[in-house]
Amino acid sequence: MKKALLIFAIFALMTGCTKYASQEQLDELQARKDAVESLKSEIKSTQEKKADLEDEKIARQEKVAELEKEIAELEDQIGG
């Protein structure tokens, strides 16, 4: 009976110790969390830049359309 109790106690201690992460594991986990947050921030910044570029593209397309209209009007004046 004492042997069984001793074996149970050793087993409980061994399995109990594995429930807790080592400091190295905790540091690695924190480093990965930091990396994820950094990438999320980078993604947000890139998405904002993309939106700005899309707005700029639309503005330039509108300007091109205006200039093309002016060219067509000038060609009509010259030809007519």
N, C-alpha and C. Protein backbone atom coordinates (compact mmCIF):
# COMPACT_ATOMS: atom_id res chain seq x y z
N MET A 1 0.83 -1.19 0.00
CA MET A 1 0.00 0.00 0.00
C MET A 1 0.87 1.25 0.00
N LYS A 2 1.96 1.23 0.80
CA LYS A 2 2.83 2.38 0.85
C LYS A 2 3.52 2.59 -0.49
N LYS A 3 3.88 1.47 -1.14
CA LYS A 3 4.50 1.58 -2.44
C LYS A 3 3.56 2.23 -3.44
N ALA A 4 2.31 1.83 -3.42
CA ALA A 4 1.32 2.38 -4.34
C ALA A 4 1.12 3.86 -4.08
N LEU A 5 1.08 4.23 -2.80
CA LEU A 5 0.92 5.63 -2.43
C LEU A 5 2.14 6.45 -2.87
N LEU A 6 3.32 5.89 -2.70
CA LEU A 6 4.55 6.56 -3.12
C LEU A 6 4.58 6.73 -4.64
N ILE A 7 4.21 5.69 -5.35
CA ILE A 7 4.17 5.77 -6.81
C ILE A 7 3.15 6.81 -7.25
N PHE A 8 2.00 6.82 -6.59
CA PHE A 8 0.97 7.80 -6.91
C PHE A 8 1.48 9.22 -6.64
N ALA A 9 2.18 9.43 -5.54
CA ALA A 9 2.71 10.75 -5.19
C ALA A 9 3.74 11.20 -6.22
N ILE A 10 4.62 10.30 -6.61
CA ILE A 10 5.64 10.64 -7.62
C ILE A 10 4.96 10.97 -8.94
N PHE A 11 3.97 10.15 -9.33
CA PHE A 11 3.25 10.40 -10.57
C PHE A 11 2.54 11.74 -10.52
N ALA A 12 1.92 12.06 -9.38
CA ALA A 12 1.21 13.33 -9.22
C ALA A 12 2.18 14.50 -9.32
N LEU A 13 3.33 14.38 -8.72
CA LEU A 13 4.33 15.45 -8.81
C LEU A 13 4.83 15.63 -10.23
N MET A 14 5.05 14.53 -10.92
CA MET A 14 5.56 14.61 -12.28
C MET A 14 4.53 15.22 -13.23
N THR A 15 3.30 14.79 -13.11
CA THR A 15 2.27 15.34 -14.00
C THR A 15 1.91 16.76 -13.60
N GLY A 16 1.99 17.07 -12.34
CA GLY A 16 1.71 18.43 -11.88
C GLY A 16 2.73 19.42 -12.41
N CYS A 17 3.96 19.00 -12.48
CA CYS A 17 5.03 19.87 -12.97
C CYS A 17 4.89 20.16 -14.45
N THR A 18 4.30 19.23 -15.18
CA THR A 18 4.18 19.46 -16.62
C THR A 18 3.03 20.40 -16.94
N LYS A 19 2.18 20.69 -15.99
CA LYS A 19 1.07 21.61 -16.22
C LYS A 19 1.55 23.05 -16.32
N TYR A 20 2.68 23.33 -15.77
CA TYR A 20 3.18 24.70 -15.73
C TYR A 20 4.27 24.89 -16.79
N ALA A 21 4.14 25.96 -17.55
CA ALA A 21 5.11 26.25 -18.59
C ALA A 21 6.40 26.79 -17.96
N SER A 22 7.48 26.49 -18.60
CA SER A 22 8.76 27.02 -18.13
C SER A 22 8.84 28.49 -18.51
N GLN A 23 9.73 29.21 -17.90
CA GLN A 23 9.91 30.63 -18.22
C GLN A 23 10.30 30.80 -19.68
N GLU A 24 11.11 29.88 -20.18
CA GLU A 24 11.51 29.93 -21.58
C GLU A 24 10.30 29.81 -22.50
N GLN A 25 9.38 28.92 -22.15
CA GLN A 25 8.16 28.75 -22.95
C GLN A 25 7.29 30.01 -22.86
N LEU A 26 7.20 30.58 -21.68
CA LEU A 26 6.42 31.80 -21.51
C LEU A 26 7.02 32.95 -22.30
N ASP A 27 8.35 33.05 -22.30
CA ASP A 27 9.03 34.09 -23.08
C ASP A 27 8.78 33.90 -24.57
N GLU A 28 8.84 32.65 -25.02
CA GLU A 28 8.59 32.36 -26.43
C GLU A 28 7.15 32.71 -26.80
N LEU A 29 6.22 32.38 -25.94
CA LEU A 29 4.82 32.71 -26.17
C LEU A 29 4.64 34.22 -26.26
N GLN A 30 5.26 34.96 -25.36
CA GLN A 30 5.14 36.42 -25.38
C GLN A 30 5.77 37.00 -26.64
N ALA A 31 6.89 36.44 -27.05
CA ALA A 31 7.55 36.92 -28.27
C ALA A 31 6.65 36.69 -29.48
N ARG A 32 5.98 35.56 -29.51
CA ARG A 32 5.07 35.28 -30.63
C ARG A 32 3.85 36.20 -30.59
N LYS A 33 3.34 36.46 -29.39
CA LYS A 33 2.22 37.40 -29.27
C LYS A 33 2.62 38.79 -29.74
N ASP A 34 3.83 39.22 -29.35
CA ASP A 34 4.34 40.52 -29.77
C ASP A 34 4.48 40.58 -31.29
N ALA A 35 4.97 39.49 -31.89
CA ALA A 35 5.13 39.43 -33.34
C ALA A 35 3.77 39.53 -34.03
N VAL A 36 2.78 38.86 -33.49
CA VAL A 36 1.43 38.91 -34.06
C VAL A 36 0.88 40.34 -33.99
N GLU A 37 1.05 40.98 -32.85
CA GLU A 37 0.55 42.35 -32.70
C GLU A 37 1.27 43.29 -33.67
N SER A 38 2.56 43.08 -33.84
CA SER A 38 3.33 43.90 -34.77
C SER A 38 2.82 43.72 -36.19
N LEU A 39 2.56 42.47 -36.57
CA LEU A 39 2.05 42.20 -37.91
C LEU A 39 0.65 42.77 -38.10
N LYS A 40 -0.18 42.70 -37.08
CA LYS A 40 -1.52 43.29 -37.16
C LYS A 40 -1.42 44.79 -37.39
N SER A 41 -0.50 45.43 -36.70
CA SER A 41 -0.29 46.87 -36.86
C SER A 41 0.19 47.19 -38.27
N GLU A 42 1.10 46.37 -38.77
CA GLU A 42 1.61 46.54 -40.13
C GLU A 42 0.49 46.38 -41.15
N ILE A 43 -0.36 45.40 -40.95
CA ILE A 43 -1.48 45.17 -41.86
C ILE A 43 -2.41 46.37 -41.86
N LYS A 44 -2.71 46.89 -40.69
CA LYS A 44 -3.60 48.05 -40.60
C LYS A 44 -2.99 49.25 -41.34
N SER A 45 -1.72 49.48 -41.12
CA SER A 45 -1.03 50.59 -41.78
C SER A 45 -1.05 50.41 -43.30
N THR A 46 -0.80 49.20 -43.76
CA THR A 46 -0.79 48.92 -45.19
C THR A 46 -2.18 49.10 -45.78
N GLN A 47 -3.21 48.68 -45.05
CA GLN A 47 -4.57 48.85 -45.53
C GLN A 47 -4.93 50.33 -45.64
N GLU A 48 -4.47 51.13 -44.70
CA GLU A 48 -4.71 52.58 -44.75
C GLU A 48 -4.01 53.20 -45.95
N LYS A 49 -2.77 52.78 -46.20
CA LYS A 49 -2.03 53.29 -47.36
C LYS A 49 -2.73 52.88 -48.65
N LYS A 50 -3.22 51.65 -48.68
CA LYS A 50 -3.93 51.16 -49.86
C LYS A 50 -5.17 52.01 -50.12
N ALA A 51 -5.92 52.31 -49.07
CA ALA A 51 -7.12 53.14 -49.22
C ALA A 51 -6.77 54.53 -49.73
N ASP A 52 -5.68 55.10 -49.22
CA ASP A 52 -5.23 56.41 -49.69
C ASP A 52 -4.85 56.36 -51.17
N LEU A 53 -4.16 55.30 -51.57
CA LEU A 53 -3.76 55.16 -52.97
C LEU A 53 -4.97 54.96 -53.88
N GLU A 54 -5.96 54.24 -53.38
CA GLU A 54 -7.18 54.04 -54.17
C GLU A 54 -7.90 55.37 -54.36
N ASP A 55 -7.94 56.20 -53.31
CA ASP A 55 -8.55 57.53 -53.42
C ASP A 55 -7.79 58.38 -54.44
N GLU A 56 -6.46 58.31 -54.38
CA GLU A 56 -5.63 59.07 -55.31
C GLU A 56 -5.86 58.59 -56.75
N LYS A 57 -5.99 57.29 -56.91
CA LYS A 57 -6.24 56.71 -58.24
C LYS A 57 -7.56 57.24 -58.80
N ILE A 58 -8.58 57.26 -58.00
CA ILE A 58 -9.89 57.75 -58.44
C ILE A 58 -9.79 59.23 -58.83
N ALA A 59 -9.11 60.01 -58.02
CA ALA A 59 -8.96 61.43 -58.32
C ALA A 59 -8.22 61.64 -59.64
N ARG A 60 -7.20 60.84 -59.88
CA ARG A 60 -6.43 60.96 -61.12
C ARG A 60 -7.25 60.50 -62.33
N GLN A 61 -8.05 59.46 -62.13
CA GLN A 61 -8.91 59.00 -63.22
C GLN A 61 -9.93 60.08 -63.59
N GLU A 62 -10.45 60.76 -62.57
CA GLU A 62 -11.39 61.86 -62.83
C GLU A 62 -10.70 62.99 -63.59
N LYS A 63 -9.46 63.29 -63.21
CA LYS A 63 -8.69 64.34 -63.88
C LYS A 63 -8.44 63.95 -65.33
N VAL A 64 -8.09 62.70 -65.58
CA VAL A 64 -7.87 62.22 -66.94
C VAL A 64 -9.15 62.37 -67.75
N ALA A 65 -10.27 62.01 -67.17
CA ALA A 65 -11.56 62.13 -67.87
C ALA A 65 -11.85 63.59 -68.22
N GLU A 66 -11.57 64.50 -67.28
CA GLU A 66 -11.76 65.93 -67.54
C GLU A 66 -10.87 66.39 -68.70
N LEU A 67 -9.60 66.00 -68.67
CA LEU A 67 -8.66 66.40 -69.72
C LEU A 67 -9.07 65.81 -71.07
N GLU A 68 -9.52 64.57 -71.07
CA GLU A 68 -9.97 63.96 -72.33
C GLU A 68 -11.18 64.70 -72.89
N LYS A 69 -12.07 65.14 -72.00
CA LYS A 69 -13.24 65.91 -72.43
C LYS A 69 -12.80 67.25 -73.03
N GLU A 70 -11.85 67.91 -72.37
CA GLU A 70 -11.32 69.18 -72.88
C GLU A 70 -10.66 68.99 -74.24
N ILE A 71 -9.90 67.91 -74.39
CA ILE A 71 -9.25 67.63 -75.67
C ILE A 71 -10.30 67.44 -76.76
N ALA A 72 -11.34 66.68 -76.45
CA ALA A 72 -12.41 66.44 -77.43
C ALA A 72 -13.08 67.75 -77.82
N GLU A 73 -13.31 68.62 -76.84
CA GLU A 73 -13.93 69.92 -77.13
C GLU A 73 -13.02 70.78 -78.02
N LEU A 74 -11.73 70.79 -77.71
CA LEU A 74 -10.78 71.54 -78.52
C LEU A 74 -10.69 71.00 -79.94
N GLU A 75 -10.70 69.68 -80.06
CA GLU A 75 -10.67 69.07 -81.40
C GLU A 75 -11.90 69.45 -82.20
N ASP A 76 -13.07 69.49 -81.52
CA ASP A 76 -14.30 69.91 -82.18
C ASP A 76 -14.21 71.35 -82.65
N GLN A 77 -13.60 72.20 -81.83
CA GLN A 77 -13.46 73.62 -82.19
C GLN A 77 -12.52 73.78 -83.39
N ILE A 78 -11.45 73.03 -83.38
CA ILE A 78 -10.47 73.13 -84.45
C ILE A 78 -11.08 72.57 -85.77
N GLY A 79 -11.77 71.48 -85.63
CA GLY A 79 -12.33 70.83 -86.82
C GLY A 79 -13.58 71.54 -87.33
N GLY A 80 -14.25 72.28 -86.51
CA GLY A 80 -15.52 72.85 -86.91
C GLY A 80 -15.52 74.23 -87.25
